[in-house]
């Protein structure tokens, strides 16, 4: 055994208690963060993706459940999941819905960062929806950061990502996205909540867009 002098170690978190306290407040860990994670699936999920999901950290001692929706088109799956949540006497009281798609490998602390972002821990503003940066597939992929809110008329042109910040936009992808369940209780919202469209209307032209 190597000779050594052992002194009490009071831990990194206690060493700077104010900093640790600020971190907890930014992350809203002491508030209700009950979350329903909705995962549309075609029935085959790669092992690397499952491994990533198993390592995803929910907030300690908070309510968290995963709901898989199998065999449905993605937009229909999300709409059905929301209707199920709203009709459930328990789940309808929960605070958040996290959408997670089977081609997404989020970092272990990804959900914790979404909590911090949606509750104003990043820029002091609370949001109804926040998402991890998600790109369209293939070469030349575009960031799903749709539209600059301060530009009129309103549009959904992909915006270049800004580094190390929370970036407001008019629309975003749903690969790893956190929603306040309360927004779906607004009776003015048109159903279905999510819809994938690929159609041609005579005299109007074509419309193609995903549920995002």
Protein backbone atom coordinates (compact mmCIF):
# COMPACT_ATOMS: atom_id res chain seq x y z
CA UNK A 1 0.00 0.00 0.00
CA UNK A 2 1.27 3.45 -0.92
CA UNK A 3 1.97 5.69 2.10
CA UNK A 4 -0.41 8.66 2.15
CA UNK A 5 -2.02 11.23 4.39
CA UNK A 6 -5.83 11.17 4.17
CA UNK A 7 -7.80 14.34 4.80
CA UNK A 8 -11.59 14.67 4.86
CA UNK A 9 -13.09 15.33 1.41
CA UNK A 10 -16.31 17.29 1.66
CA UNK A 11 -17.10 16.85 -2.02
CA UNK A 12 -17.07 19.10 -5.05
CA UNK A 13 -20.72 20.13 -4.65
CA UNK A 14 -20.19 21.33 -1.08
CA UNK A 15 -16.95 23.10 -2.02
CA UNK A 16 -18.95 25.76 -3.87
CA UNK A 17 -22.45 25.47 -2.47
CA UNK A 18 -23.74 28.63 -4.16
CA UNK A 19 -22.68 27.35 -7.57
CA UNK A 20 -24.30 23.96 -6.90
CA UNK A 21 -27.49 25.65 -5.73
CA UNK A 22 -27.60 27.83 -8.86
CA UNK A 23 -27.22 24.72 -11.02
CA UNK A 24 -30.19 23.06 -9.34
CA UNK A 25 -32.33 26.18 -9.74
CA UNK A 26 -31.45 26.53 -13.44
CA UNK A 27 -32.35 22.90 -14.02
CA UNK A 28 -35.65 23.20 -12.07
CA UNK A 29 -34.86 19.89 -10.39
CA UNK A 30 -36.97 20.80 -7.36
CA UNK A 31 -40.10 21.41 -9.46
CA UNK A 32 -42.59 19.00 -11.03
CA UNK A 33 -40.87 17.61 -14.14
CA UNK A 34 -43.20 14.65 -14.75
CA UNK A 35 -42.58 13.52 -18.33
CA UNK A 36 -44.13 11.09 -20.81
CA UNK A 37 -41.62 9.99 -23.44
CA UNK A 38 -43.43 9.12 -26.71
CA UNK A 39 -41.53 6.94 -29.19
CA UNK A 40 -43.02 6.07 -32.60
CA UNK A 41 -41.43 2.88 -33.90
CA UNK A 42 -41.54 0.70 -36.98
CA UNK A 43 -40.70 -2.24 -34.75
CA UNK A 44 -36.94 -2.41 -35.35
CA UNK A 45 -34.63 -0.27 -33.22
CA UNK A 46 -30.85 -0.53 -33.54
CA UNK A 47 -28.96 -1.69 -30.45
CA UNK A 48 -26.85 1.49 -30.39
CA UNK A 49 -30.03 3.57 -30.23
CA UNK A 50 -31.46 1.46 -27.40
CA UNK A 51 -28.15 1.75 -25.55
CA UNK A 52 -28.36 5.54 -25.84
CA UNK A 53 -31.93 5.60 -24.53
CA UNK A 54 -30.99 3.41 -21.57
CA UNK A 55 -28.36 5.98 -20.63
CA UNK A 56 -30.73 8.96 -20.91
CA UNK A 57 -30.94 10.63 -17.51
CA UNK A 58 -34.38 11.71 -16.27
CA UNK A 59 -34.40 14.05 -13.29
CA UNK A 60 -33.83 12.22 -10.01
CA UNK A 61 -37.01 10.98 -8.25
CA UNK A 62 -39.32 12.53 -10.86
CA UNK A 63 -42.13 10.73 -12.68
CA UNK A 64 -40.97 9.45 -16.08
CA UNK A 65 -42.57 6.85 -18.36
CA UNK A 66 -41.92 5.66 -21.92
CA UNK A 67 -44.81 5.06 -24.33
CA UNK A 68 -44.09 3.21 -27.59
CA UNK A 69 -46.45 3.65 -30.54
CA UNK A 70 -45.94 0.90 -33.10
CA UNK A 71 -47.17 0.42 -36.66
CA UNK A 72 -48.45 3.96 -37.27
CA UNK A 73 -47.28 6.80 -39.50
CA UNK A 74 -45.24 9.23 -37.39
CA UNK A 75 -47.72 12.12 -37.44
CA UNK A 76 -50.61 9.78 -36.62
CA UNK A 77 -48.56 8.18 -33.86
CA UNK A 78 -47.88 11.49 -32.14
CA UNK A 79 -51.49 12.64 -32.48
CA UNK A 80 -52.77 9.35 -31.07
CA UNK A 81 -50.32 9.57 -28.17
CA UNK A 82 -51.44 13.09 -27.28
CA UNK A 83 -55.11 12.09 -27.39
CA UNK A 84 -54.33 9.13 -25.13
CA UNK A 85 -52.49 11.37 -22.67
CA UNK A 86 -55.31 13.93 -22.55
CA UNK A 87 -57.90 11.20 -21.98
CA UNK A 88 -55.94 9.56 -19.17
CA UNK A 89 -56.92 10.85 -15.71
CA UNK A 90 -53.35 10.47 -14.42
CA UNK A 91 -51.14 11.28 -17.42
CA UNK A 92 -53.18 14.36 -18.32
CA UNK A 93 -51.92 15.93 -15.09
CA UNK A 94 -48.27 15.42 -16.02
CA UNK A 95 -46.24 18.39 -17.18
CA UNK A 96 -44.24 17.38 -20.25
CA UNK A 97 -44.22 15.15 -23.30
CA UNK A 98 -40.84 14.22 -24.77
CA UNK A 99 -40.82 13.03 -28.38
CA UNK A 100 -37.99 10.67 -29.24
CA UNK A 101 -37.50 9.04 -32.62
CA UNK A 102 -35.75 5.76 -33.35
CA UNK A 103 -33.02 7.35 -35.47
CA UNK A 104 -31.93 9.62 -32.61
CA UNK A 105 -29.09 9.03 -30.16
CA UNK A 106 -29.36 11.83 -27.57
CA UNK A 107 -26.55 12.49 -25.08
CA UNK A 108 -27.09 11.22 -21.50
CA UNK A 109 -27.74 14.72 -20.17
CA UNK A 110 -29.89 15.78 -23.14
CA UNK A 111 -33.21 15.70 -21.28
CA UNK A 112 -31.75 17.62 -18.34
CA UNK A 113 -30.67 20.35 -20.77
CA UNK A 114 -34.16 20.47 -22.28
CA UNK A 115 -35.67 20.94 -18.80
CA UNK A 116 -33.23 23.77 -18.11
CA UNK A 117 -34.00 25.41 -21.45
CA UNK A 118 -37.81 25.21 -21.32
CA UNK A 119 -38.01 26.58 -17.78
CA UNK A 120 -35.89 29.67 -18.45
CA UNK A 121 -32.63 28.44 -16.97
CA UNK A 122 -30.69 29.40 -20.11
CA UNK A 123 -31.97 32.83 -21.15
CA UNK A 124 -34.55 33.70 -18.49
CA UNK A 125 -37.49 33.02 -20.83
CA UNK A 126 -39.92 30.12 -20.52
CA UNK A 127 -40.99 28.25 -23.67
CA UNK A 128 -43.80 25.90 -24.67
CA UNK A 129 -41.55 23.69 -26.82
CA UNK A 130 -37.78 23.16 -26.98
CA UNK A 131 -35.79 20.60 -28.93
CA UNK A 132 -32.30 19.27 -29.42
CA UNK A 133 -30.68 20.29 -32.71
CA UNK A 134 -31.88 17.81 -35.34
CA UNK A 135 -30.86 17.70 -39.03
CA UNK A 136 -32.58 16.48 -42.18
CA UNK A 137 -31.04 13.27 -43.45
CA UNK A 138 -28.51 12.82 -46.22
CA UNK A 139 -25.73 14.86 -47.74
CA UNK A 140 -26.39 18.59 -47.46
CA UNK A 141 -28.70 18.09 -44.48
CA UNK A 142 -30.44 21.18 -43.15
CA UNK A 143 -30.87 22.12 -39.47
CA UNK A 144 -34.47 21.82 -38.31
CA UNK A 145 -34.51 25.40 -37.01
CA UNK A 146 -37.36 26.73 -39.09
CA UNK A 147 -37.90 30.47 -39.47
CA UNK A 148 -36.61 33.58 -37.72
CA UNK A 149 -39.43 34.83 -35.40
CA UNK A 150 -38.57 38.50 -35.98
CA UNK A 151 -38.87 38.25 -39.78
CA UNK A 152 -42.19 39.00 -41.52
CA UNK A 153 -44.03 37.58 -43.34
CA UNK A 154 -43.66 34.48 -41.19
CA UNK A 155 -41.68 31.71 -42.87
CA UNK A 156 -40.05 28.37 -42.14
CA UNK A 157 -36.70 28.80 -43.87
CA UNK A 158 -33.97 26.72 -42.13
CA UNK A 159 -31.74 28.97 -40.02
CA UNK A 160 -27.98 28.48 -39.43
CA UNK A 161 -27.37 27.20 -35.89
CA UNK A 162 -26.01 29.59 -33.28
CA UNK A 163 -23.35 28.16 -31.02
CA UNK A 164 -23.88 27.46 -27.32
CA UNK A 165 -27.25 29.15 -26.97
CA UNK A 166 -31.01 28.64 -27.10
CA UNK A 167 -32.27 29.73 -30.53
CA UNK A 168 -35.93 30.84 -30.93
CA UNK A 169 -37.62 29.78 -34.18
CA UNK A 170 -41.04 29.26 -35.80
CA UNK A 171 -40.79 25.48 -36.07
CA UNK A 172 -38.51 22.61 -35.14
CA UNK A 173 -38.03 18.88 -35.61
CA UNK A 174 -39.46 16.27 -33.24
CA UNK A 175 -36.57 13.82 -33.00
CA UNK A 176 -35.77 14.90 -29.43
CA UNK A 177 -38.24 17.58 -28.37
CA UNK A 178 -39.93 18.56 -25.10
CA UNK A 179 -43.53 19.90 -25.10
CA UNK A 180 -45.61 21.33 -22.29
CA UNK A 181 -48.69 19.10 -22.19
CA UNK A 182 -50.78 22.15 -21.26
CA UNK A 183 -50.54 23.53 -24.82
CA UNK A 184 -52.51 20.57 -26.17
CA UNK A 185 -55.43 21.44 -23.89
CA UNK A 186 -56.07 24.64 -25.84
CA UNK A 187 -59.47 24.11 -27.52
CA UNK A 188 -58.48 26.44 -30.35
CA UNK A 189 -55.85 24.01 -31.62
CA UNK A 190 -56.84 22.21 -34.81
CA UNK A 191 -56.85 18.42 -34.73
CA UNK A 192 -55.03 16.29 -35.62
CA UNK A 193 -52.19 17.89 -33.71
CA UNK A 194 -49.55 16.44 -36.05
CA UNK A 195 -49.96 15.61 -39.72
CA UNK A 196 -47.69 14.51 -42.55
CA UNK A 197 -48.85 15.91 -45.90
CA UNK A 198 -47.94 14.95 -49.46
CA UNK A 199 -50.64 16.06 -51.89
CA UNK A 200 -51.41 18.04 -55.02
CA UNK A 201 -54.48 20.31 -55.03
CA UNK A 202 -55.74 21.38 -58.48
CA UNK A 203 -55.48 25.14 -58.87
CA UNK A 204 -53.36 25.48 -55.74
CA UNK A 205 -50.31 23.31 -56.29
CA UNK A 206 -48.42 20.75 -54.25
CA UNK A 207 -48.00 20.56 -50.48
CA UNK A 208 -45.31 18.39 -48.94
CA UNK A 209 -44.28 18.58 -45.31
CA UNK A 210 -43.70 16.27 -42.36
CA UNK A 211 -45.43 16.29 -38.97
CA UNK A 212 -42.59 18.48 -37.65
